[in-house]
Each structure stands twice: as structure tokens, then as C-alpha cells.
């Protein structure tokens, strides 16, 4: 999967948050890790929690322009809602890889835009 970042989303958030943008983005990046780990930890025993965590990750990722990450999280969320747990489970490793790739691109954008 090609990792996609929508820089327009980042620029809009930067404009909205002003000087709080960098700290907020750094927090969001740590949330990507936490939420992906929570999806991974709950997908076998608490589908409601896994769905909620995938939903939160989808929303956070989309808000900060991590579109391919949001897409994978959405795929997991929808699969869980539709009781297609096998598909959801098959996407967890893709989700974790996408977190790493998205974070790297977002951090690069942050350092190159300062």
C-alpha cells in the first residue's frame, strides 16, 4: 500500500491550531500507536472495543491527513461492524505498517515545513 498524506488537511489544521499545532500533531502521532495497539490487543476478545479504537484511529488519521491510514482503519471498523472478523484481523498487520509509514511522512512534513 502506498502511504498517502493529504497536505491540505495538515495545512488546515496548522492554520486552525496555530502555535499549538506541533504539540497537537506529536500527540496525535502517539495516539496512532496507542490506538493501533489497542485494536490489535482487543480484536480477539472485545470486538466492541476494537471497533471503537479503529473508529477513533480512522478519525484522528483523517483529521491530520493520514489518508491511507484512515482507509485501513475504516476497513477494519466496517469489517467489524459487518461481523467480518477474519477480514478485520487480516488487516491488523497492514494497519500497524501504515501507522509506521504515516508517522514517518507526517514527521518529515513537520520538520520540513518549519
Foldseek 3Di string as FASTA:
>chain_A
DDWWFDVVLQVVQCVVCPPCSVVVVVVLLVLLVVLLVQLVVPLVPPLVSNLVSLVVNLVSCVNRGRNVLNVLSVQLNVCSVVVVSVSNNVSSVVNVVSSVVSSVVVVVCVVVVD
